[in-house]
Amino acid sequence: MMRTDRSLLKYILLSIITLGIYGMWVYSESITTLNIIAVKDERRTNDFLFANLILGVLTCGIYSLVWYHKMSNRVADELANRGIDYNFNASTFWLWNILGALIIVGPFVYTHKFLTSMNMLSEDYNKKGN
């Protein structure tokens, strides 16, 4: 059974308490879940920690932007493949997480939409399987 209890409030509070470790764990766990759920597309999304802490640092953040873009589109593709009508894709990343950072709340909106998308995919997977 895949987790369907991801929430923004828990993400924020536990990330503060654990100095960001919980937030990294949530993204890492979500990507592992995505790789299991979206196995039919024969693609694999690199682990969050590897992509953002190692490759992101080595490329001055450029790889992290590419990783988020591709991951967001993969989530969108899987939502569409499963017939789930929810607006989440790479545009969500660029508009909310990048441009939305100018109004402070944008990254929180993106994270909420990402967590909601992953909950929807997990719930569908738990009901139907692959």
C-alpha atoms as a PDB file:
ATOM      1  CA  MET A   1       0.000   0.000   0.000  1.00  0.00           C
ATOM      2  CA  MET A   2       1.319   3.400  -1.010  1.00  0.00           C
ATOM      3  CA  ARG A   3       1.101   6.347   1.392  1.00  0.00           C
ATOM      4  CA  THR A   4      -1.819   8.716   0.833  1.00  0.00           C
ATOM      5  CA  ASP A   5      -1.377  10.926   3.887  1.00  0.00           C
ATOM      6  CA  ARG A   6       1.001  13.568   2.558  1.00  0.00           C
ATOM      7  CA  SER A   7      -0.025  17.073   3.650  1.00  0.00           C
ATOM      8  CA  LEU A   8       1.482  20.528   3.417  1.00  0.00           C
ATOM      9  CA  LEU A   9       0.951  21.330   7.104  1.00  0.00           C
ATOM     10  CA  LYS A  10       2.755  18.185   8.247  1.00  0.00           C
ATOM     11  CA  TYR A  11       5.474  18.841   5.644  1.00  0.00           C
ATOM     12  CA  ILE A  12       6.079  22.380   6.944  1.00  0.00           C
ATOM     13  CA  LEU A  13       5.913  21.600  10.665  1.00  0.00           C
ATOM     14  CA  LEU A  14       8.074  18.487  10.576  1.00  0.00           C
ATOM     15  CA  SER A  15      10.563  20.149   8.219  1.00  0.00           C
ATOM     16  CA  ILE A  16      10.983  22.979  10.721  1.00  0.00           C
ATOM     17  CA  ILE A  17      11.394  20.577  13.642  1.00  0.00           C
ATOM     18  CA  THR A  18      13.899  18.371  11.788  1.00  0.00           C
ATOM     19  CA  LEU A  19      15.756  21.288  10.162  1.00  0.00           C
ATOM     20  CA  GLY A  20      14.684  20.275   6.659  1.00  0.00           C
ATOM     21  CA  ILE A  21      15.425  16.555   6.874  1.00  0.00           C
ATOM     22  CA  TYR A  22      11.742  15.572   6.822  1.00  0.00           C
ATOM     23  CA  GLY A  23      11.142  17.667   3.698  1.00  0.00           C
ATOM     24  CA  MET A  24      13.982  15.927   1.885  1.00  0.00           C
ATOM     25  CA  TRP A  25      12.674  12.540   3.038  1.00  0.00           C
ATOM     26  CA  VAL A  26       9.151  13.312   1.760  1.00  0.00           C
ATOM     27  CA  TYR A  27      10.454  14.211  -1.693  1.00  0.00           C
ATOM     28  CA  SER A  28      12.768  11.196  -1.764  1.00  0.00           C
ATOM     29  CA  GLU A  29       9.977   8.841  -0.700  1.00  0.00           C
ATOM     30  CA  SER A  30       7.581  10.407  -3.205  1.00  0.00           C
ATOM     31  CA  ILE A  31      10.037   9.863  -6.061  1.00  0.00           C
ATOM     32  CA  THR A  32      10.494   6.229  -5.042  1.00  0.00           C
ATOM     33  CA  THR A  33       6.703   5.912  -5.081  1.00  0.00           C
ATOM     34  CA  LEU A  34       6.505   7.619  -8.489  1.00  0.00           C
ATOM     35  CA  ASN A  35       9.056   5.195  -9.926  1.00  0.00           C
ATOM     36  CA  ILE A  36       6.935   2.260  -8.719  1.00  0.00           C
ATOM     37  CA  ILE A  37       3.585   3.686  -9.864  1.00  0.00           C
ATOM     38  CA  ALA A  38       4.776   4.897 -13.282  1.00  0.00           C
ATOM     39  CA  VAL A  39       6.748   1.779 -14.184  1.00  0.00           C
ATOM     40  CA  LYS A  40       4.853   1.380 -17.483  1.00  0.00           C
ATOM     41  CA  ASP A  41       6.413   4.509 -19.003  1.00  0.00           C
ATOM     42  CA  GLU A  42       9.839   2.812 -18.816  1.00  0.00           C
ATOM     43  CA  ARG A  43      11.463   5.976 -17.463  1.00  0.00           C
ATOM     44  CA  ARG A  44      13.094   6.483 -14.086  1.00  0.00           C
ATOM     45  CA  THR A  45      13.329   9.673 -12.092  1.00  0.00           C
ATOM     46  CA  ASN A  46      16.627  10.102 -10.234  1.00  0.00           C
ATOM     47  CA  ASP A  47      16.449  10.128  -6.464  1.00  0.00           C
ATOM     48  CA  PHE A  48      15.791  13.557  -4.951  1.00  0.00           C
ATOM     49  CA  LEU A  49      18.887  13.592  -2.758  1.00  0.00           C
ATOM     50  CA  PHE A  50      21.223  12.496  -5.546  1.00  0.00           C
ATOM     51  CA  ALA A  51      19.715  14.924  -8.055  1.00  0.00           C
ATOM     52  CA  ASN A  52      19.551  17.973  -5.825  1.00  0.00           C
ATOM     53  CA  LEU A  53      22.329  17.588  -3.283  1.00  0.00           C
ATOM     54  CA  ILE A  54      25.027  16.169  -5.527  1.00  0.00           C
ATOM     55  CA  LEU A  55      24.262  17.001  -9.161  1.00  0.00           C
ATOM     56  CA  GLY A  56      22.455  20.224  -8.236  1.00  0.00           C
ATOM     57  CA  VAL A  57      25.443  21.506  -6.303  1.00  0.00           C
ATOM     58  CA  LEU A  58      27.907  20.465  -9.015  1.00  0.00           C
ATOM     59  CA  THR A  59      25.909  22.326 -11.678  1.00  0.00           C
ATOM     60  CA  CYS A  60      25.130  25.397  -9.546  1.00  0.00           C
ATOM     61  CA  GLY A  61      21.443  24.462  -9.386  1.00  0.00           C
ATOM     62  CA  ILE A  62      20.824  23.988 -13.098  1.00  0.00           C
ATOM     63  CA  TYR A  63      20.361  20.217 -12.830  1.00  0.00           C
ATOM     64  CA  SER A  64      17.854  20.740 -10.004  1.00  0.00           C
ATOM     65  CA  LEU A  65      15.715  22.940 -12.258  1.00  0.00           C
ATOM     66  CA  VAL A  66      15.818  20.345 -15.034  1.00  0.00           C
ATOM     67  CA  TRP A  67      15.044  17.567 -12.531  1.00  0.00           C
ATOM     68  CA  TYR A  68      11.974  19.365 -11.120  1.00  0.00           C
ATOM     69  CA  HIS A  69      10.764  20.159 -14.647  1.00  0.00           C
ATOM     70  CA  LYS A  70      11.044  16.531 -15.811  1.00  0.00           C
ATOM     71  CA  MET A  71       9.635  15.120 -12.563  1.00  0.00           C
ATOM     72  CA  SER A  72       6.625  17.442 -12.684  1.00  0.00           C
ATOM     73  CA  ASN A  73       5.888  16.402 -16.268  1.00  0.00           C
ATOM     74  CA  ARG A  74       6.237  12.726 -15.346  1.00  0.00           C
ATOM     75  CA  VAL A  75       3.700  13.168 -12.550  1.00  0.00           C
ATOM     76  CA  ALA A  76       1.392  14.957 -15.026  1.00  0.00           C
ATOM     77  CA  ASP A  77       1.786  12.136 -17.562  1.00  0.00           C
ATOM     78  CA  GLU A  78       0.929   9.519 -14.952  1.00  0.00           C
ATOM     79  CA  LEU A  79      -2.096  11.499 -13.771  1.00  0.00           C
ATOM     80  CA  ALA A  80      -3.313  11.624 -17.389  1.00  0.00           C
ATOM     81  CA  ASN A  81      -2.568   7.918 -17.983  1.00  0.00           C
ATOM     82  CA  ARG A  82      -4.676   7.032 -14.957  1.00  0.00           C
ATOM     83  CA  GLY A  83      -7.504   9.364 -15.994  1.00  0.00           C
ATOM     84  CA  ILE A  84      -7.091  11.651 -12.984  1.00  0.00           C
ATOM     85  CA  ASP A  85      -8.151  15.205 -13.772  1.00  0.00           C
ATOM     86  CA  TYR A  86      -5.780  17.424 -11.792  1.00  0.00           C
ATOM     87  CA  ASN A  87      -3.788  20.404 -13.000  1.00  0.00           C
ATOM     88  CA  PHE A  88      -0.125  19.700 -12.254  1.00  0.00           C
ATOM     89  CA  ASN A  89       2.822  19.770 -14.681  1.00  0.00           C
ATOM     90  CA  ALA A  90       6.110  21.534 -15.398  1.00  0.00           C
ATOM     91  CA  SER A  91       4.261  24.840 -15.803  1.00  0.00           C
ATOM     92  CA  THR A  92       3.131  24.457 -12.190  1.00  0.00           C
ATOM     93  CA  PHE A  93       6.783  24.202 -11.191  1.00  0.00           C
ATOM     94  CA  TRP A  94       7.914  27.240 -13.162  1.00  0.00           C
ATOM     95  CA  LEU A  95       4.960  29.439 -12.248  1.00  0.00           C
ATOM     96  CA  TRP A  96       4.529  28.561  -8.580  1.00  0.00           C
ATOM     97  CA  ASN A  97       7.889  27.312  -7.364  1.00  0.00           C
ATOM     98  CA  ILE A  98      10.113  29.718  -9.320  1.00  0.00           C
ATOM     99  CA  LEU A  99       8.083  32.841 -10.151  1.00  0.00           C
ATOM    100  CA  GLY A 100       5.819  32.352  -7.137  1.00  0.00           C
ATOM    101  CA  ALA A 101       8.843  32.627  -4.869  1.00  0.00           C
ATOM    102  CA  LEU A 102       8.623  36.368  -5.494  1.00  0.00           C
ATOM    103  CA  ILE A 103       5.376  36.440  -3.488  1.00  0.00           C
ATOM    104  CA  ILE A 104       6.776  34.063  -0.839  1.00  0.00           C
ATOM    105  CA  VAL A 105       3.846  31.596  -0.889  1.00  0.00           C
ATOM    106  CA  GLY A 106       4.487  30.192  -4.380  1.00  0.00           C
ATOM    107  CA  PRO A 107       6.763  27.306  -3.332  1.00  0.00           C
ATOM    108  CA  PHE A 108       4.197  26.289  -0.711  1.00  0.00           C
ATOM    109  CA  VAL A 109       1.475  26.192  -3.370  1.00  0.00           C
ATOM    110  CA  TYR A 110       3.716  24.066  -5.604  1.00  0.00           C
ATOM    111  CA  THR A 111       4.523  21.679  -2.764  1.00  0.00           C
ATOM    112  CA  HIS A 112       0.828  21.373  -1.888  1.00  0.00           C
ATOM    113  CA  LYS A 113      -0.036  20.578  -5.506  1.00  0.00           C
ATOM    114  CA  PHE A 114       2.818  18.053  -5.718  1.00  0.00           C
ATOM    115  CA  LEU A 115       1.792  16.300  -2.506  1.00  0.00           C
ATOM    116  CA  THR A 116      -1.858  16.256  -3.607  1.00  0.00           C
ATOM    117  CA  SER A 117      -0.840  14.775  -6.976  1.00  0.00           C
ATOM    118  CA  MET A 118       1.205  12.064  -5.282  1.00  0.00           C
ATOM    119  CA  ASN A 119      -1.682  11.265  -2.917  1.00  0.00           C
ATOM    120  CA  MET A 120      -4.040  10.927  -5.898  1.00  0.00           C
ATOM    121  CA  LEU A 121      -1.618   8.671  -7.766  1.00  0.00           C
ATOM    122  CA  SER A 122      -1.003   6.553  -4.665  1.00  0.00           C
ATOM    123  CA  GLU A 123      -4.712   6.205  -3.974  1.00  0.00           C
ATOM    124  CA  ASP A 124      -5.388   5.135  -7.568  1.00  0.00           C
ATOM    125  CA  TYR A 125      -2.486   2.682  -7.447  1.00  0.00           C
ATOM    126  CA  ASN A 126      -3.769   1.219  -4.187  1.00  0.00           C
ATOM    127  CA  LYS A 127      -7.202   0.659  -5.808  1.00  0.00           C
ATOM    128  CA  LYS A 128      -6.203  -0.500  -9.302  1.00  0.00           C
ATOM    129  CA  GLY A 129      -2.537  -1.449  -9.177  1.00  0.00           C
ATOM    130  CA  ASN A 130      -0.510  -0.916 -12.339  1.00  0.00           C
END
